[in-house]
Amino acid sequence: MTKKIPVETQINGEEVEFLCEPRQSLLEVLREGLGLTGAKEGCNNGNCGACNVILEGVLVNSCLVLAVEAQGKSILTIEGLRGVNGLHPLQEEYLQQAALQCGICTPGFIVSSYALLQQNPHPTELEVRRWLAGNLCRCTGYDKIVRAVLAAAAKMDMEASVDALVSWKG
């Protein structure tokens, strides 16, 4: 029997402690240990993007990260994305643009899209396509997904402009 290791981390803004075996992936602990089932197990070898999370501001495949590596670090999962009205603008636009079907890949695409917009709030279509190249979808094709990301970027830009105007008039 393998000794379990205590890990203290921050997930979606909350302090979390868990025990894990040294060989367990972050994906396994998130899903089975912590009940955060948004990240999906697709390929389990880092090729599909279904398990994407943001670790210390960097987009990672959680199936390739050992859970013990999360010690003292911050993790953002799909469950942590929230907007003013509950859904993040990316989630709203994925729904509006019908950019999902079976849903297995959707959380990974949304987390990847969020990471892109954190680095580049005004991406071109080509930049979105290149960024999302590490995510695989067997159902939708990619056009609706790309349109959703571009629409969310525009919406987020407009919301930021309104917020800046309100605070300026404040």
C-alpha atoms as a PDB file:
ATOM      1  CA  MET A   1       0.000   0.000   0.000  1.00  0.00           C
ATOM      2  CA  THR A   2       1.312   3.438  -1.000  1.00  0.00           C
ATOM      3  CA  LYS A   3       1.503   6.166   1.596  1.00  0.00           C
ATOM      4  CA  LYS A   4      -0.824   9.060   0.851  1.00  0.00           C
ATOM      5  CA  ILE A   5       0.608  12.556   0.741  1.00  0.00           C
ATOM      6  CA  PRO A   6      -1.202  15.627   2.099  1.00  0.00           C
ATOM      7  CA  VAL A   7      -1.576  18.461  -0.401  1.00  0.00           C
ATOM      8  CA  GLU A   8      -2.730  22.004   0.340  1.00  0.00           C
ATOM      9  CA  THR A   9      -3.774  24.070  -2.642  1.00  0.00           C
ATOM     10  CA  GLN A  10      -6.257  26.674  -3.784  1.00  0.00           C
ATOM     11  CA  ILE A  11      -8.950  25.530  -6.199  1.00  0.00           C
ATOM     12  CA  ASN A  12     -11.306  28.092  -7.713  1.00  0.00           C
ATOM     13  CA  GLY A  13     -10.367  30.594  -5.027  1.00  0.00           C
ATOM     14  CA  GLU A  14     -10.945  28.264  -2.074  1.00  0.00           C
ATOM     15  CA  GLU A  15      -8.308  26.685   0.147  1.00  0.00           C
ATOM     16  CA  VAL A  16      -8.432  22.905  -0.288  1.00  0.00           C
ATOM     17  CA  GLU A  17      -6.607  20.038   1.416  1.00  0.00           C
ATOM     18  CA  PHE A  18      -6.585  16.474   0.152  1.00  0.00           C
ATOM     19  CA  LEU A  19      -4.644  13.245   0.430  1.00  0.00           C
ATOM     20  CA  CYS A  20      -3.324  11.544  -2.688  1.00  0.00           C
ATOM     21  CA  GLU A  21      -0.978   8.817  -3.767  1.00  0.00           C
ATOM     22  CA  PRO A  22       2.248  10.049  -5.391  1.00  0.00           C
ATOM     23  CA  ARG A  23       1.222   8.516  -8.739  1.00  0.00           C
ATOM     24  CA  GLN A  24      -2.258  10.078  -8.918  1.00  0.00           C
ATOM     25  CA  SER A  25      -2.926  12.670 -11.589  1.00  0.00           C
ATOM     26  CA  LEU A  26      -4.492  15.996 -10.805  1.00  0.00           C
ATOM     27  CA  LEU A  27      -7.406  14.964 -13.041  1.00  0.00           C
ATOM     28  CA  GLU A  28      -8.045  11.853 -10.963  1.00  0.00           C
ATOM     29  CA  VAL A  29      -8.005  13.783  -7.684  1.00  0.00           C
ATOM     30  CA  LEU A  30     -10.206  16.587  -9.047  1.00  0.00           C
ATOM     31  CA  ARG A  31     -12.833  14.182 -10.369  1.00  0.00           C
ATOM     32  CA  GLU A  32     -12.768  11.280  -7.930  1.00  0.00           C
ATOM     33  CA  GLY A  33     -11.392  12.848  -4.783  1.00  0.00           C
ATOM     34  CA  LEU A  34     -12.922  16.320  -4.850  1.00  0.00           C
ATOM     35  CA  GLY A  35     -16.041  15.822  -6.958  1.00  0.00           C
ATOM     36  CA  LEU A  36     -15.053  18.473  -9.518  1.00  0.00           C
ATOM     37  CA  THR A  37     -16.177  16.561 -12.590  1.00  0.00           C
ATOM     38  CA  GLY A  38     -16.012  19.377 -15.146  1.00  0.00           C
ATOM     39  CA  ALA A  39     -12.571  18.351 -16.392  1.00  0.00           C
ATOM     40  CA  LYS A  40     -13.117  15.196 -18.433  1.00  0.00           C
ATOM     41  CA  GLU A  41     -10.893  12.210 -19.045  1.00  0.00           C
ATOM     42  CA  GLY A  42     -10.607  11.916 -22.786  1.00  0.00           C
ATOM     43  CA  CYS A  43      -7.306  10.446 -23.879  1.00  0.00           C
ATOM     44  CA  ASN A  44      -5.422  10.431 -20.551  1.00  0.00           C
ATOM     45  CA  ASN A  45      -2.183  11.228 -22.408  1.00  0.00           C
ATOM     46  CA  GLY A  46      -2.388  14.989 -23.034  1.00  0.00           C
ATOM     47  CA  ASN A  47      -3.633  14.935 -26.611  1.00  0.00           C
ATOM     48  CA  CYS A  48      -7.306  15.936 -26.429  1.00  0.00           C
ATOM     49  CA  GLY A  49      -7.582  18.893 -24.007  1.00  0.00           C
ATOM     50  CA  ALA A  50     -10.767  17.625 -22.345  1.00  0.00           C
ATOM     51  CA  CYS A  51      -9.101  17.807 -18.919  1.00  0.00           C
ATOM     52  CA  ASN A  52      -7.649  21.316 -19.233  1.00  0.00           C
ATOM     53  CA  VAL A  53      -7.305  23.433 -16.097  1.00  0.00           C
ATOM     54  CA  ILE A  54      -5.284  26.530 -15.303  1.00  0.00           C
ATOM     55  CA  LEU A  55      -2.445  25.905 -12.845  1.00  0.00           C
ATOM     56  CA  GLU A  56      -0.692  29.019 -11.581  1.00  0.00           C
ATOM     57  CA  GLY A  57      -1.961  30.944 -14.604  1.00  0.00           C
ATOM     58  CA  VAL A  58      -0.795  28.333 -17.116  1.00  0.00           C
ATOM     59  CA  LEU A  59      -3.094  26.123 -19.178  1.00  0.00           C
ATOM     60  CA  VAL A  60      -2.267  22.458 -18.454  1.00  0.00           C
ATOM     61  CA  ASN A  61      -3.626  19.014 -19.197  1.00  0.00           C
ATOM     62  CA  SER A  62      -4.561  17.839 -15.707  1.00  0.00           C
ATOM     63  CA  CYS A  63      -4.087  14.214 -16.797  1.00  0.00           C
ATOM     64  CA  LEU A  64      -0.357  14.947 -17.169  1.00  0.00           C
ATOM     65  CA  VAL A  65       0.121  16.775 -13.856  1.00  0.00           C
ATOM     66  CA  LEU A  66       0.682  14.814 -10.682  1.00  0.00           C
ATOM     67  CA  ALA A  67      -1.674  15.938  -7.931  1.00  0.00           C
ATOM     68  CA  VAL A  68       1.279  16.398  -5.551  1.00  0.00           C
ATOM     69  CA  GLU A  69       2.582  19.093  -7.923  1.00  0.00           C
ATOM     70  CA  ALA A  70      -0.406  21.249  -6.921  1.00  0.00           C
ATOM     71  CA  GLN A  71       1.068  21.777  -3.442  1.00  0.00           C
ATOM     72  CA  GLY A  72       0.820  25.482  -2.624  1.00  0.00           C
ATOM     73  CA  LYS A  73      -0.448  26.391  -6.076  1.00  0.00           C
ATOM     74  CA  SER A  74      -3.627  27.920  -7.466  1.00  0.00           C
ATOM     75  CA  ILE A  75      -5.904  25.951  -9.785  1.00  0.00           C
ATOM     76  CA  LEU A  76      -8.828  27.198 -11.847  1.00  0.00           C
ATOM     77  CA  THR A  77     -11.297  24.647 -13.219  1.00  0.00           C
ATOM     78  CA  ILE A  78     -14.429  25.080 -15.316  1.00  0.00           C
ATOM     79  CA  GLU A  79     -16.406  25.107 -12.062  1.00  0.00           C
ATOM     80  CA  GLY A  80     -14.532  28.266 -11.040  1.00  0.00           C
ATOM     81  CA  LEU A  81     -15.469  30.312 -14.105  1.00  0.00           C
ATOM     82  CA  ARG A  82     -18.254  32.666 -13.200  1.00  0.00           C
ATOM     83  CA  GLY A  83     -19.729  35.794 -14.615  1.00  0.00           C
ATOM     84  CA  VAL A  84     -21.856  38.511 -13.099  1.00  0.00           C
ATOM     85  CA  ASN A  85     -25.044  36.583 -13.913  1.00  0.00           C
ATOM     86  CA  GLY A  86     -23.687  33.138 -13.027  1.00  0.00           C
ATOM     87  CA  LEU A  87     -22.275  32.077 -16.369  1.00  0.00           C
ATOM     88  CA  HIS A  88     -19.015  33.459 -17.698  1.00  0.00           C
ATOM     89  CA  PRO A  89     -19.372  35.269 -21.055  1.00  0.00           C
ATOM     90  CA  LEU A  90     -17.538  32.354 -22.686  1.00  0.00           C
ATOM     91  CA  GLN A  91     -20.084  29.904 -21.320  1.00  0.00           C
ATOM     92  CA  GLU A  92     -22.918  32.166 -22.471  1.00  0.00           C
ATOM     93  CA  GLU A  93     -21.497  32.414 -25.984  1.00  0.00           C
ATOM     94  CA  TYR A  94     -20.838  28.677 -26.261  1.00  0.00           C
ATOM     95  CA  LEU A  95     -24.556  28.239 -25.561  1.00  0.00           C
ATOM     96  CA  GLN A  96     -25.656  31.089 -27.862  1.00  0.00           C
ATOM     97  CA  GLN A  97     -23.477  29.911 -30.746  1.00  0.00           C
ATOM     98  CA  ALA A  98     -24.472  26.229 -30.264  1.00  0.00           C
ATOM     99  CA  ALA A  99     -20.765  25.428 -29.931  1.00  0.00           C
ATOM    100  CA  LEU A 100     -21.303  22.141 -28.108  1.00  0.00           C
ATOM    101  CA  GLN A 101     -22.983  18.823 -28.607  1.00  0.00           C
ATOM    102  CA  CYS A 102     -22.045  15.854 -26.428  1.00  0.00           C
ATOM    103  CA  GLY A 103     -20.223  18.065 -23.896  1.00  0.00           C
ATOM    104  CA  ILE A 104     -17.159  15.898 -23.274  1.00  0.00           C
ATOM    105  CA  CYS A 105     -14.745  18.409 -24.800  1.00  0.00           C
ATOM    106  CA  THR A 106     -16.661  21.578 -23.904  1.00  0.00           C
ATOM    107  CA  PRO A 107     -15.166  22.311 -20.453  1.00  0.00           C
ATOM    108  CA  GLY A 108     -11.654  21.901 -21.849  1.00  0.00           C
ATOM    109  CA  PHE A 109     -12.428  24.198 -24.769  1.00  0.00           C
ATOM    110  CA  ILE A 110     -13.909  26.835 -22.461  1.00  0.00           C
ATOM    111  CA  VAL A 111     -10.962  26.723 -20.045  1.00  0.00           C
ATOM    112  CA  SER A 112      -8.561  26.926 -23.012  1.00  0.00           C
ATOM    113  CA  SER A 113     -10.529  29.836 -24.444  1.00  0.00           C
ATOM    114  CA  TYR A 114     -10.418  31.588 -21.076  1.00  0.00           C
ATOM    115  CA  ALA A 115      -6.629  31.144 -20.925  1.00  0.00           C
ATOM    116  CA  LEU A 116      -6.335  32.610 -24.418  1.00  0.00           C
ATOM    117  CA  LEU A 117      -8.444  35.653 -23.563  1.00  0.00           C
ATOM    118  CA  GLN A 118      -6.390  36.244 -20.416  1.00  0.00           C
ATOM    119  CA  GLN A 119      -3.268  36.491 -22.592  1.00  0.00           C
ATOM    120  CA  ASN A 120      -4.850  38.076 -25.639  1.00  0.00           C
ATOM    121  CA  PRO A 121      -8.226  39.784 -25.088  1.00  0.00           C
ATOM    122  CA  HIS A 122      -8.570  40.621 -28.813  1.00  0.00           C
ATOM    123  CA  PRO A 123      -7.545  37.512 -30.757  1.00  0.00           C
ATOM    124  CA  THR A 124      -8.023  37.092 -34.473  1.00  0.00           C
ATOM    125  CA  GLU A 125      -9.822  34.065 -35.862  1.00  0.00           C
ATOM    126  CA  LEU A 126      -6.479  32.538 -36.819  1.00  0.00           C
ATOM    127  CA  GLU A 127      -5.102  33.076 -33.301  1.00  0.00           C
ATOM    128  CA  VAL A 128      -8.162  31.379 -31.784  1.00  0.00           C
ATOM    129  CA  ARG A 129      -7.823  28.420 -34.157  1.00  0.00           C
ATOM    130  CA  ARG A 130      -4.126  28.031 -33.389  1.00  0.00           C
ATOM    131  CA  TRP A 131      -4.664  28.329 -29.621  1.00  0.00           C
ATOM    132  CA  LEU A 132      -7.416  25.718 -29.607  1.00  0.00           C
ATOM    133  CA  ALA A 133      -5.477  23.282 -31.787  1.00  0.00           C
ATOM    134  CA  GLY A 134      -4.696  21.203 -28.681  1.00  0.00           C
ATOM    135  CA  ASN A 135      -8.397  20.553 -28.076  1.00  0.00           C
ATOM    136  CA  LEU A 136     -10.213  17.844 -29.985  1.00  0.00           C
ATOM    137  CA  CYS A 137     -13.928  17.674 -30.740  1.00  0.00           C
ATOM    138  CA  ARG A 138     -15.568  14.815 -32.592  1.00  0.00           C
ATOM    139  CA  CYS A 139     -19.076  16.294 -32.723  1.00  0.00           C
ATOM    140  CA  THR A 140     -19.317  19.968 -33.629  1.00  0.00           C
ATOM    141  CA  GLY A 141     -16.526  20.903 -35.937  1.00  0.00           C
ATOM    142  CA  TYR A 142     -14.695  24.010 -34.882  1.00  0.00           C
ATOM    143  CA  ASP A 143     -16.383  26.945 -36.618  1.00  0.00           C
ATOM    144  CA  LYS A 144     -19.061  27.449 -33.955  1.00  0.00           C
ATOM    145  CA  ILE A 145     -16.463  27.168 -31.208  1.00  0.00           C
ATOM    146  CA  VAL A 146     -14.272  29.815 -32.838  1.00  0.00           C
ATOM    147  CA  ARG A 147     -17.284  32.106 -33.324  1.00  0.00           C
ATOM    148  CA  ALA A 148     -18.197  31.655 -29.650  1.00  0.00           C
ATOM    149  CA  VAL A 149     -14.708  32.667 -28.509  1.00  0.00           C
ATOM    150  CA  LEU A 150     -14.662  35.725 -30.760  1.00  0.00           C
ATOM    151  CA  ALA A 151     -18.152  36.763 -29.614  1.00  0.00           C
ATOM    152  CA  ALA A 152     -17.158  36.311 -25.960  1.00  0.00           C
ATOM    153  CA  ALA A 153     -14.033  38.416 -26.508  1.00  0.00           C
ATOM    154  CA  ALA A 154     -16.167  41.207 -27.965  1.00  0.00           C
ATOM    155  CA  LYS A 155     -18.685  40.914 -25.132  1.00  0.00           C
ATOM    156  CA  MET A 156     -15.954  40.965 -22.479  1.00  0.00           C
ATOM    157  CA  ASP A 157     -14.352  43.990 -24.158  1.00  0.00           C
ATOM    158  CA  MET A 158     -17.686  45.814 -24.143  1.00  0.00           C
ATOM    159  CA  GLU A 159     -18.294  44.911 -20.477  1.00  0.00           C
ATOM    160  CA  ALA A 160     -14.809  46.187 -19.578  1.00  0.00           C
ATOM    161  CA  SER A 161     -15.491  49.446 -21.434  1.00  0.00           C
ATOM    162  CA  VAL A 162     -18.795  49.927 -19.597  1.00  0.00           C
ATOM    163  CA  ASP A 163     -17.136  49.157 -16.243  1.00  0.00           C
ATOM    164  CA  ALA A 164     -14.374  51.679 -16.979  1.00  0.00           C
ATOM    165  CA  LEU A 165     -16.910  54.328 -17.932  1.00  0.00           C
ATOM    166  CA  VAL A 166     -18.980  53.725 -14.801  1.00  0.00           C
ATOM    167  CA  SER A 167     -15.927  53.902 -12.535  1.00  0.00           C
ATOM    168  CA  TRP A 168     -14.686  57.041 -14.325  1.00  0.00           C
ATOM    169  CA  LYS A 169     -18.044  58.779 -13.793  1.00  0.00           C
ATOM    170  CA  GLY A 170     -18.169  57.236 -10.306  1.00  0.00           C
END
